[in-house]
Amino acid sequence: MKNQLTLDKLEIGQKCKVVSLNSTGSIRRRLLDLGLIGDTEIEALQQSPSGDPIAYLIRGAVIALRNEDSSQISVELL
């Protein structure tokens, strides 16, 4: 797919949609519980001063995800 990358590579202000989750176990369950299913739109809002975590707008809620977790989410730029 064109413009496919992992969520941790998204620039602040960019929007994308979820293509797939590449994690397993409790992390996968947590991400699914947050609404990260196929075609969910995400916008990168802001980054902490240290660069990790990053705040994302997901289904109307602001969620902070660590780079370790967001690197397991494949997305496509909108």
PDB file of N, CA and C in Angstrom:
ATOM      1  N   MET A   1       0.833  -1.188   0.000  1.00  0.00           N
ATOM      2  CA  MET A   1       0.000   0.000   0.000  1.00  0.00           C
ATOM      3  C   MET A   1       0.873   1.245   0.000  1.00  0.00           C
ATOM      4  N   LYS A   2       0.388   2.273  -0.643  1.00  0.00           N
ATOM      5  CA  LYS A   2       1.167   3.508  -0.689  1.00  0.00           C
ATOM      6  C   LYS A   2       1.097   4.230   0.655  1.00  0.00           C
ATOM      7  N   ASN A   3       2.159   4.970   0.964  1.00  0.00           N
ATOM      8  CA  ASN A   3       2.236   5.770   2.181  1.00  0.00           C
ATOM      9  C   ASN A   3       2.022   4.962   3.461  1.00  0.00           C
ATOM     10  N   GLN A   4       2.461   3.725   3.496  1.00  0.00           N
ATOM     11  CA  GLN A   4       2.301   2.914   4.694  1.00  0.00           C
ATOM     12  C   GLN A   4       3.546   3.027   5.570  1.00  0.00           C
ATOM     13  N   LEU A   5       3.325   3.192   6.868  1.00  0.00           N
ATOM     14  CA  LEU A   5       4.395   3.297   7.829  1.00  0.00           C
ATOM     15  C   LEU A   5       3.867   2.857   9.189  1.00  0.00           C
ATOM     16  N   THR A   6       4.715   2.937  10.214  1.00  0.00           N
ATOM     17  CA  THR A   6       4.228   2.626  11.559  1.00  0.00           C
ATOM     18  C   THR A   6       3.859   3.935  12.259  1.00  0.00           C
ATOM     19  N   LEU A   7       2.965   3.842  13.231  1.00  0.00           N
ATOM     20  CA  LEU A   7       2.415   5.022  13.883  1.00  0.00           C
ATOM     21  C   LEU A   7       3.487   5.885  14.531  1.00  0.00           C
ATOM     22  N   ASP A   8       4.546   5.289  15.038  1.00  0.00           N
ATOM     23  CA  ASP A   8       5.596   6.078  15.695  1.00  0.00           C
ATOM     24  C   ASP A   8       6.338   6.998  14.728  1.00  0.00           C
ATOM     25  N   LYS A   9       6.213   6.760  13.428  1.00  0.00           N
ATOM     26  CA  LYS A   9       6.885   7.588  12.409  1.00  0.00           C
ATOM     27  C   LYS A   9       6.021   8.772  11.947  1.00  0.00           C
ATOM     28  N   LEU A  10       4.776   8.858  12.429  1.00  0.00           N
ATOM     29  CA  LEU A  10       3.856   9.914  12.034  1.00  0.00           C
ATOM     30  C   LEU A  10       4.340  11.252  12.582  1.00  0.00           C
ATOM     31  N   GLU A  11       4.330  12.283  11.745  1.00  0.00           N
ATOM     32  CA  GLU A  11       4.717  13.628  12.168  1.00  0.00           C
ATOM     33  C   GLU A  11       3.549  14.289  12.899  1.00  0.00           C
ATOM     34  N   ILE A  12       3.865  15.191  13.827  1.00  0.00           N
ATOM     35  CA  ILE A  12       2.828  15.922  14.550  1.00  0.00           C
ATOM     36  C   ILE A  12       1.965  16.682  13.542  1.00  0.00           C
ATOM     37  N   GLY A  13       0.643  16.538  13.671  1.00  0.00           N
ATOM     38  CA  GLY A  13      -0.289  17.191  12.760  1.00  0.00           C
ATOM     39  C   GLY A  13      -0.749  16.314  11.611  1.00  0.00           C
ATOM     40  N   GLN A  14      -0.046  15.222  11.351  1.00  0.00           N
ATOM     41  CA  GLN A  14      -0.443  14.327  10.266  1.00  0.00           C
ATOM     42  C   GLN A  14      -1.583  13.426  10.717  1.00  0.00           C
ATOM     43  N   LYS A  15      -2.376  12.989   9.731  1.00  0.00           N
ATOM     44  CA  LYS A  15      -3.480  12.064   9.984  1.00  0.00           C
ATOM     45  C   LYS A  15      -3.229  10.774   9.219  1.00  0.00           C
ATOM     46  N   CYS A  16      -3.753   9.694   9.767  1.00  0.00           N
ATOM     47  CA  CYS A  16      -3.584   8.390   9.138  1.00  0.00           C
ATOM     48  C   CYS A  16      -4.764   7.513   9.525  1.00  0.00           C
ATOM     49  N   LYS A  17      -4.778   6.305   8.945  1.00  0.00           N
ATOM     50  CA  LYS A  17      -5.761   5.307   9.360  1.00  0.00           C
ATOM     51  C   LYS A  17      -5.033   3.994   9.615  1.00  0.00           C
ATOM     52  N   VAL A  18      -5.579   3.228  10.544  1.00  0.00           N
ATOM     53  CA  VAL A  18      -4.962   1.964  10.951  1.00  0.00           C
ATOM     54  C   VAL A  18      -5.113   0.931   9.839  1.00  0.00           C
ATOM     55  N   VAL A  19      -4.011   0.248   9.529  1.00  0.00           N
ATOM     56  CA  VAL A  19      -4.023  -0.849   8.569  1.00  0.00           C
ATOM     57  C   VAL A  19      -4.013  -2.174   9.322  1.00  0.00           C
ATOM     58  N   SER A  20      -3.104  -2.304  10.309  1.00  0.00           N
ATOM     59  CA  SER A  20      -3.034  -3.544  11.078  1.00  0.00           C
ATOM     60  C   SER A  20      -2.278  -3.339  12.383  1.00  0.00           C
ATOM     61  N   LEU A  21      -2.518  -4.250  13.329  1.00  0.00           N
ATOM     62  CA  LEU A  21      -1.766  -4.294  14.586  1.00  0.00           C
ATOM     63  C   LEU A  21      -0.795  -5.457  14.497  1.00  0.00           C
ATOM     64  N   ASN A  22       0.449  -5.211  14.846  1.00  0.00           N
ATOM     65  CA  ASN A  22       1.473  -6.246  14.745  1.00  0.00           C
ATOM     66  C   ASN A  22       1.951  -6.704  16.114  1.00  0.00           C
ATOM     67  N   SER A  23       1.161  -6.438  17.146  1.00  0.00           N
ATOM     68  CA  SER A  23       1.535  -6.830  18.506  1.00  0.00           C
ATOM     69  C   SER A  23       0.708  -8.035  18.947  1.00  0.00           C
ATOM     70  N   THR A  24       1.099  -8.601  20.090  1.00  0.00           N
ATOM     71  CA  THR A  24       0.395  -9.769  20.620  1.00  0.00           C
ATOM     72  C   THR A  24       0.134  -9.577  22.111  1.00  0.00           C
ATOM     73  N   GLY A  25      -0.663 -10.456  22.660  1.00  0.00           N
ATOM     74  CA  GLY A  25      -0.879 -10.499  24.101  1.00  0.00           C
ATOM     75  C   GLY A  25      -1.634  -9.304  24.648  1.00  0.00           C
ATOM     76  N   SER A  26      -1.243  -8.890  25.862  1.00  0.00           N
ATOM     77  CA  SER A  26      -1.964  -7.837  26.566  1.00  0.00           C
ATOM     78  C   SER A  26      -1.836  -6.481  25.875  1.00  0.00           C
ATOM     79  N   ILE A  27      -0.725  -6.232  25.208  1.00  0.00           N
ATOM     80  CA  ILE A  27      -0.561  -4.968  24.480  1.00  0.00           C
ATOM     81  C   ILE A  27      -1.578  -4.900  23.341  1.00  0.00           C
ATOM     82  N   ARG A  28      -1.726  -5.994  22.610  1.00  0.00           N
ATOM     83  CA  ARG A  28      -2.702  -6.035  21.516  1.00  0.00           C
ATOM     84  C   ARG A  28      -4.110  -5.794  22.047  1.00  0.00           C
ATOM     85  N   ARG A  29      -4.456  -6.436  23.152  1.00  0.00           N
ATOM     86  CA  ARG A  29      -5.786  -6.268  23.753  1.00  0.00           C
ATOM     87  C   ARG A  29      -6.003  -4.813  24.162  1.00  0.00           C
ATOM     88  N   ARG A  30      -4.996  -4.187  24.756  1.00  0.00           N
ATOM     89  CA  ARG A  30      -5.105  -2.790  25.177  1.00  0.00           C
ATOM     90  C   ARG A  30      -5.342  -1.884  23.975  1.00  0.00           C
ATOM     91  N   LEU A  31      -4.595  -2.100  22.909  1.00  0.00           N
ATOM     92  CA  LEU A  31      -4.751  -1.274  21.704  1.00  0.00           C
ATOM     93  C   LEU A  31      -6.134  -1.462  21.085  1.00  0.00           C
ATOM     94  N   LEU A  32      -6.613  -2.689  21.052  1.00  0.00           N
ATOM     95  CA  LEU A  32      -7.956  -2.950  20.528  1.00  0.00           C
ATOM     96  C   LEU A  32      -9.013  -2.290  21.408  1.00  0.00           C
ATOM     97  N   ASP A  33      -8.826  -2.336  22.730  1.00  0.00           N
ATOM     98  CA  ASP A  33      -9.759  -1.697  23.656  1.00  0.00           C
ATOM     99  C   ASP A  33      -9.798  -0.187  23.463  1.00  0.00           C
ATOM    100  N   LEU A  34      -8.687   0.397  23.011  1.00  0.00           N
ATOM    101  CA  LEU A  34      -8.636   1.834  22.747  1.00  0.00           C
ATOM    102  C   LEU A  34      -9.304   2.200  21.426  1.00  0.00           C
ATOM    103  N   GLY A  35      -9.726   1.191  20.673  1.00  0.00           N
ATOM    104  CA  GLY A  35     -10.416   1.434  19.408  1.00  0.00           C
ATOM    105  C   GLY A  35      -9.520   1.397  18.193  1.00  0.00           C
ATOM    106  N   LEU A  36      -8.330   0.862  18.334  1.00  0.00           N
ATOM    107  CA  LEU A  36      -7.396   0.796  17.208  1.00  0.00           C
ATOM    108  C   LEU A  36      -7.670  -0.434  16.362  1.00  0.00           C
ATOM    109  N   ILE A  37      -8.724  -0.343  15.576  1.00  0.00           N
ATOM    110  CA  ILE A  37      -9.084  -1.405  14.644  1.00  0.00           C
ATOM    111  C   ILE A  37      -8.929  -0.859  13.232  1.00  0.00           C
ATOM    112  N   GLY A  38      -9.037  -1.713  12.238  1.00  0.00           N
ATOM    113  CA  GLY A  38      -8.856  -1.307  10.844  1.00  0.00           C
ATOM    114  C   GLY A  38      -9.664  -0.081  10.462  1.00  0.00           C
ATOM    115  N   ASP A  39      -9.046   0.823   9.728  1.00  0.00           N
ATOM    116  CA  ASP A  39      -9.637   2.062   9.207  1.00  0.00           C
ATOM    117  C   ASP A  39      -9.936   3.123  10.257  1.00  0.00           C
ATOM    118  N   THR A  40      -9.506   2.923  11.500  1.00  0.00           N
ATOM    119  CA  THR A  40      -9.661   3.963  12.521  1.00  0.00           C
ATOM    120  C   THR A  40      -8.737   5.126  12.182  1.00  0.00           C
ATOM    121  N   GLU A  41      -9.276   6.352  12.189  1.00  0.00           N
ATOM    122  CA  GLU A  41      -8.465   7.527  11.900  1.00  0.00           C
ATOM    123  C   GLU A  41      -7.739   7.992  13.152  1.00  0.00           C
ATOM    124  N   ILE A  42      -6.490   8.388  12.969  1.00  0.00           N
ATOM    125  CA  ILE A  42      -5.636   8.851  14.066  1.00  0.00           C
ATOM    126  C   ILE A  42      -4.944  10.128  13.631  1.00  0.00           C
ATOM    127  N   GLU A  43      -4.820  11.072  14.560  1.00  0.00           N
ATOM    128  CA  GLU A  43      -4.047  12.288  14.306  1.00  0.00           C
ATOM    129  C   GLU A  43      -3.010  12.436  15.409  1.00  0.00           C
ATOM    130  N   ALA A  44      -1.759  12.697  15.033  1.00  0.00           N
ATOM    131  CA  ALA A  44      -0.702  12.942  16.012  1.00  0.00           C
ATOM    132  C   ALA A  44      -0.846  14.382  16.498  1.00  0.00           C
ATOM    133  N   LEU A  45      -1.058  14.558  17.797  1.00  0.00           N
ATOM    134  CA  LEU A  45      -1.318  15.890  18.342  1.00  0.00           C
ATOM    135  C   LEU A  45      -0.078  16.571  18.895  1.00  0.00           C
ATOM    136  N   GLN A  46       0.598  15.922  19.822  1.00  0.00           N
ATOM    137  CA  GLN A  46       1.786  16.538  20.407  1.00  0.00           C
ATOM    138  C   GLN A  46       2.709  15.492  20.994  1.00  0.00           C
ATOM    139  N   GLN A  47       3.949  15.924  21.174  1.00  0.00           N
ATOM    140  CA  GLN A  47       4.993  15.032  21.650  1.00  0.00           C
ATOM    141  C   GLN A  47       5.471  15.542  23.007  1.00  0.00           C
ATOM    142  N   SER A  48       5.793  14.639  23.913  1.00  0.00           N
ATOM    143  CA  SER A  48       6.333  15.061  25.202  1.00  0.00           C
ATOM    144  C   SER A  48       7.722  15.659  24.972  1.00  0.00           C
ATOM    145  N   PRO A  49       8.223  16.464  25.909  1.00  0.00           N
ATOM    146  CA  PRO A  49       9.561  17.067  25.743  1.00  0.00           C
ATOM    147  C   PRO A  49      10.659  16.045  25.474  1.00  0.00           C
ATOM    148  N   SER A  50      10.527  14.853  26.041  1.00  0.00           N
ATOM    149  CA  SER A  50      11.551  13.819  25.819  1.00  0.00           C
ATOM    150  C   SER A  50      11.339  13.070  24.506  1.00  0.00           C
ATOM    151  N   GLY A  51      10.168  13.301  23.852  1.00  0.00           N
ATOM    152  CA  GLY A  51       9.881  12.629  22.591  1.00  0.00           C
ATOM    153  C   GLY A  51       9.075  11.357  22.729  1.00  0.00           C
ATOM    154  N   ASP A  52       8.883  10.888  23.949  1.00  0.00           N
ATOM    155  CA  ASP A  52       8.146   9.645  24.177  1.00  0.00           C
ATOM    156  C   ASP A  52       7.426   9.765  25.504  1.00  0.00           C
ATOM    157  N   PRO A  53       6.122   9.692  25.583  1.00  0.00           N
ATOM    158  CA  PRO A  53       5.146   9.263  24.575  1.00  0.00           C
ATOM    159  C   PRO A  53       4.678  10.410  23.671  1.00  0.00           C
ATOM    160  N   ILE A  54       3.820  10.052  22.730  1.00  0.00           N
ATOM    161  CA  ILE A  54       3.183  11.008  21.826  1.00  0.00           C
ATOM    162  C   ILE A  54       1.681  10.915  22.039  1.00  0.00           C
ATOM    163  N   ALA A  55       1.020  12.069  22.037  1.00  0.00           N
ATOM    164  CA  ALA A  55      -0.436  12.112  22.205  1.00  0.00           C
ATOM    165  C   ALA A  55      -1.101  12.035  20.837  1.00  0.00           C
ATOM    166  N   TYR A  56      -2.084  11.155  20.720  1.00  0.00           N
ATOM    167  CA  TYR A  56      -2.830  10.953  19.477  1.00  0.00           C
ATOM    168  C   TYR A  56      -4.315  11.175  19.731  1.00  0.00           C
ATOM    169  N   LEU A  57      -5.010  11.687  18.727  1.00  0.00           N
ATOM    170  CA  LEU A  57      -6.461  11.790  18.777  1.00  0.00           C
ATOM    171  C   LEU A  57      -7.018  10.534  18.120  1.00  0.00           C
ATOM    172  N   ILE A  58      -7.693   9.713  18.933  1.00  0.00           N
ATOM    173  CA  ILE A  58      -8.227   8.434  18.468  1.00  0.00           C
ATOM    174  C   ILE A  58      -9.690   8.359  18.871  1.00  0.00           C
ATOM    175  N   ARG A  59     -10.575   8.343  17.895  1.00  0.00           N
ATOM    176  CA  ARG A  59     -12.020   8.236  18.161  1.00  0.00           C
ATOM    177  C   ARG A  59     -12.522   9.267  19.172  1.00  0.00           C
ATOM    178  N   GLY A  60     -12.028  10.509  19.042  1.00  0.00           N
ATOM    179  CA  GLY A  60     -12.494  11.596  19.896  1.00  0.00           C
ATOM    180  C   GLY A  60     -11.802  11.695  21.243  1.00  0.00           C
ATOM    181  N   ALA A  61     -10.898  10.792  21.553  1.00  0.00           N
ATOM    182  CA  ALA A  61     -10.175  10.824  22.826  1.00  0.00           C
ATOM    183  C   ALA A  61      -8.685  11.037  22.564  1.00  0.00           C
ATOM    184  N   VAL A  62      -8.038  11.773  23.452  1.00  0.00           N
ATOM    185  CA  VAL A  62      -6.597  11.970  23.353  1.00  0.00           C
ATOM    186  C   VAL A  62      -5.922  10.862  24.155  1.00  0.00           C
ATOM    187  N   ILE A  63      -5.102  10.072  23.469  1.00  0.00           N
ATOM    188  CA  ILE A  63      -4.436   8.916  24.064  1.00  0.00           C
ATOM    189  C   ILE A  63      -2.928   9.060  23.866  1.00  0.00           C
ATOM    190  N   ALA A  64      -2.164   8.893  24.945  1.00  0.00           N
ATOM    191  CA  ALA A  64      -0.705   8.924  24.846  1.00  0.00           C
ATOM    192  C   ALA A  64      -0.197   7.493  24.692  1.00  0.00           C
ATOM    193  N   LEU A  65       0.598   7.272  23.661  1.00  0.00           N
ATOM    194  CA  LEU A  65       1.175   5.952  23.415  1.00  0.00           C
ATOM    195  C   LEU A  65       2.697   6.048  23.399  1.00  0.00           C
ATOM    196  N   ARG A  66       3.336   5.083  24.024  1.00  0.00           N
ATOM    197  CA  ARG A  66       4.797   5.010  23.976  1.00  0.00           C
ATOM    198  C   ARG A  66       5.227   4.571  22.581  1.00  0.00           C
ATOM    199  N   ASN A  67       6.425   4.983  22.185  1.00  0.00           N
ATOM    200  CA  ASN A  67       6.946   4.591  20.871  1.00  0.00           C
ATOM    201  C   ASN A  67       7.031   3.081  20.737  1.00  0.00           C
ATOM    202  N   GLU A  68       7.328   2.406  21.832  1.00  0.00           N
ATOM    203  CA  GLU A  68       7.413   0.939  21.842  1.00  0.00           C
ATOM    204  C   GLU A  68       6.091   0.315  21.382  1.00  0.00           C
ATOM    205  N   ASP A  69       4.971   0.912  21.807  1.00  0.00           N
ATOM    206  CA  ASP A  69       3.655   0.399  21.426  1.00  0.00           C
ATOM    207  C   ASP A  69       3.226   0.896  20.048  1.00  0.00           C
ATOM    208  N   SER A  70       3.455   2.173  19.768  1.00  0.00           N
ATOM    209  CA  SER A  70       3.007   2.728  18.488  1.00  0.00           C
ATOM    210  C   SER A  70       3.803   2.182  17.307  1.00  0.00           C
ATOM    211  N   SER A  71       4.992   1.651  17.571  1.00  0.00           N
ATOM    212  CA  SER A  71       5.785   1.057  16.478  1.00  0.00           C
ATOM    213  C   SER A  71       5.184  -0.265  16.013  1.00  0.00           C
ATOM    214  N   GLN A  72       4.216  -0.801  16.757  1.00  0.00           N
ATOM    215  CA  GLN A  72       3.565  -2.054  16.404  1.00  0.00           C
ATOM    216  C   GLN A  72       2.264  -1.847  15.624  1.00  0.00           C
ATOM    217  N   ILE A  73       1.965  -0.597  15.268  1.00  0.00           N
ATOM    218  CA  ILE A  73       0.722  -0.271  14.574  1.00  0.00           C
ATOM    219  C   ILE A  73       1.059   0.211  13.160  1.00  0.00           C
ATOM    220  N   SER A  74       0.639  -0.550  12.153  1.00  0.00           N
ATOM    221  CA  SER A  74       0.840  -0.153  10.756  1.00  0.00           C
ATOM    222  C   SER A  74      -0.288   0.775  10.350  1.00  0.00           C
ATOM    223  N   VAL A  75       0.069   1.903   9.737  1.00  0.00           N
ATOM    224  CA  VAL A  75      -0.919   2.895   9.327  1.00  0.00           C
ATOM    225  C   VAL A  75      -0.655   3.350   7.900  1.00  0.00           C
ATOM    226  N   GLU A  76      -1.646   4.007   7.334  1.00  0.00           N
ATOM    227  CA  GLU A  76      -1.555   4.580   5.984  1.00  0.00           C
ATOM    228  C   GLU A  76      -1.912   6.056   6.093  1.00  0.00           C
ATOM    229  N   LEU A  77      -1.091   6.909   5.511  1.00  0.00           N
ATOM    230  CA  LEU A  77      -1.337   8.348   5.556  1.00  0.00           C
ATOM    231  C   LEU A  77      -2.625   8.703   4.823  1.00  0.00           C
ATOM    232  N   LEU A  78      -3.317   9.714   5.329  1.00  0.00           N
ATOM    233  CA  LEU A  78      -4.534  10.205   4.671  1.00  0.00           C
ATOM    234  C   LEU A  78      -4.198  11.436   3.852  1.00  0.00           C
TER     235      LEU A  78
END
